[in-house]
Amino acid sequence: MSAVPAAPDVLAPDVEVIPLPDVAERLGHAVTRVHQLIRDGHLLAVRREGVLGVPSPFLTDTAIVKGLGGTITLLRDNGYGEDEILQWLFTADDTLPGTPIDALRGDRGREVKRRAQAMGGF
């Protein structure tokens, strides 16, 4: 069993999951640093077809999407599990419009965080 936490893969099959060594290369970090980012809640990882990876929408070309770590923390503080956080981030919301992860990628993080703060746990 890996020391790196992995959420259940509740993502749609068309959501690309990037293996951790490739995430490390993209971010310019050692893979052990990526492990720490996952442990610290700045990223979430899933295991797909036996490979531990990070959903590609969580990353830009060279960084983690701004506001992602704070949003994950807010949702955890509201009692959400990792699978529920992934589902929330990737579920379309007509009032945003799009998904919360799309909104974070589009510099609408304030609205996403406001919604995350307002949500109660399950």
Protein backbone atom coordinates (compact mmCIF):
# COMPACT_ATOMS: atom_id res chain seq x y z
CA MET A 1 0.00 0.00 0.00
CA SER A 2 1.33 3.39 -0.99
CA ALA A 3 2.01 6.08 1.61
CA VAL A 4 0.50 8.57 -0.84
CA PRO A 5 -3.27 8.84 -0.32
CA ALA A 6 -5.43 8.04 -3.34
CA ALA A 7 -9.08 8.95 -3.72
CA PRO A 8 -11.46 6.52 -5.38
CA ASP A 9 -11.54 7.15 -9.13
CA VAL A 10 -14.99 8.72 -9.42
CA LEU A 11 -13.99 10.79 -12.44
CA ALA A 12 -15.51 10.43 -15.88
CA PRO A 13 -13.37 8.23 -18.15
CA ASP A 14 -12.61 11.23 -20.39
CA VAL A 15 -10.88 13.14 -17.55
CA GLU A 16 -7.17 12.66 -18.14
CA VAL A 17 -5.16 11.49 -15.15
CA ILE A 18 -1.44 12.32 -15.28
CA PRO A 19 0.98 9.84 -13.63
CA LEU A 20 2.88 11.32 -10.67
CA PRO A 21 6.33 11.25 -12.35
CA ASP A 22 4.87 13.33 -15.19
CA VAL A 23 3.24 15.71 -12.69
CA ALA A 24 6.64 16.14 -11.03
CA GLU A 25 8.27 16.93 -14.36
CA ARG A 26 5.57 19.45 -15.27
CA LEU A 27 5.88 21.22 -11.92
CA GLY A 28 9.68 21.06 -11.88
CA HIS A 29 9.71 19.09 -8.60
CA ALA A 30 10.99 15.74 -7.46
CA VAL A 31 8.27 13.10 -7.35
CA THR A 32 8.66 13.00 -3.55
CA ARG A 33 7.61 16.68 -3.46
CA VAL A 34 4.48 15.80 -5.44
CA HIS A 35 3.78 13.04 -2.88
CA GLN A 36 4.01 15.69 -0.15
CA LEU A 37 1.68 18.06 -2.02
CA ILE A 38 -0.90 15.26 -2.11
CA ARG A 39 -0.40 14.40 1.57
CA ASP A 40 -0.75 18.10 2.47
CA GLY A 41 -3.99 18.46 0.50
CA HIS A 42 -2.75 20.77 -2.24
CA LEU A 43 -3.58 18.07 -4.79
CA LEU A 44 -5.75 14.95 -4.92
CA ALA A 45 -4.57 11.75 -6.54
CA VAL A 46 -6.55 8.83 -7.93
CA ARG A 47 -5.46 5.36 -8.92
CA ARG A 48 -6.53 4.57 -12.48
CA GLU A 49 -5.63 1.22 -14.02
CA GLY A 50 -3.14 0.68 -11.20
CA VAL A 51 -1.31 3.97 -11.80
CA LEU A 52 -1.39 6.79 -9.24
CA GLY A 53 -2.02 10.14 -10.90
CA VAL A 54 -3.49 13.62 -10.66
CA PRO A 55 -6.43 14.84 -12.79
CA SER A 56 -4.96 17.01 -15.55
CA PRO A 57 -7.39 19.91 -14.96
CA PHE A 58 -5.67 20.43 -11.58
CA LEU A 59 -2.54 21.63 -13.39
CA THR A 60 -1.51 24.41 -15.72
CA ASP A 61 1.53 23.95 -17.93
CA THR A 62 3.88 24.59 -14.99
CA ALA A 63 1.86 24.92 -11.76
CA ILE A 64 -1.09 23.77 -9.68
CA VAL A 65 -4.27 25.68 -10.54
CA LYS A 66 -4.50 28.72 -8.29
CA GLY A 67 -6.98 28.24 -5.45
CA LEU A 68 -7.24 24.46 -5.75
CA GLY A 69 -5.52 23.69 -2.44
CA GLY A 70 -7.65 26.18 -0.54
CA THR A 71 -10.82 24.80 -2.09
CA ILE A 72 -9.84 21.24 -1.16
CA THR A 73 -9.19 22.41 2.42
CA LEU A 74 -12.56 24.20 2.65
CA LEU A 75 -14.42 21.15 1.43
CA ARG A 76 -12.53 18.83 3.81
CA ASP A 77 -13.36 21.20 6.66
CA ASN A 78 -17.02 20.86 5.67
CA GLY A 79 -16.79 17.08 6.03
CA TYR A 80 -16.32 16.09 2.41
CA GLY A 81 -14.29 12.99 1.62
CA GLU A 82 -11.81 12.92 -1.24
CA ASP A 83 -14.26 11.18 -3.58
CA GLU A 84 -16.94 13.78 -2.78
CA ILE A 85 -14.48 16.62 -3.38
CA LEU A 86 -13.60 15.18 -6.78
CA GLN A 87 -17.26 14.77 -7.67
CA TRP A 88 -18.04 18.35 -6.62
CA LEU A 89 -15.09 19.82 -8.53
CA PHE A 90 -16.05 17.98 -11.73
CA THR A 91 -19.86 18.33 -11.61
CA ALA A 92 -21.36 20.94 -13.92
CA ASP A 93 -23.03 23.90 -12.23
CA ASP A 94 -25.13 26.05 -14.55
CA THR A 95 -24.75 29.06 -12.26
CA LEU A 96 -20.96 29.16 -12.64
CA PRO A 97 -21.29 28.12 -15.64
CA GLY A 98 -19.30 24.93 -16.08
CA THR A 99 -17.67 22.93 -13.32
CA PRO A 100 -15.95 24.32 -10.21
CA ILE A 101 -12.56 23.17 -11.55
CA ASP A 102 -13.27 25.03 -14.82
CA ALA A 103 -14.09 28.13 -12.76
CA LEU A 104 -10.83 27.83 -10.79
CA ARG A 105 -8.92 27.50 -14.06
CA GLY A 106 -10.75 30.59 -15.37
CA ASP A 107 -9.76 32.87 -12.48
CA ARG A 108 -13.16 32.62 -10.81
CA GLY A 109 -11.72 31.14 -7.64
CA ARG A 110 -13.42 33.60 -5.32
CA GLU A 111 -16.85 32.36 -6.40
CA VAL A 112 -15.81 28.71 -6.09
CA LYS A 113 -14.41 29.27 -2.60
CA ARG A 114 -17.52 31.17 -1.55
CA ARG A 115 -19.66 28.20 -2.59
CA ALA A 116 -17.33 25.73 -0.88
CA GLN A 117 -17.53 27.75 2.36
CA ALA A 118 -21.32 27.90 2.21
CA MET A 119 -21.75 24.15 1.71
CA GLY A 120 -22.42 21.95 4.70
CA GLY A 121 -21.01 18.48 5.06
CA PHE A 122 -22.88 15.42 3.89
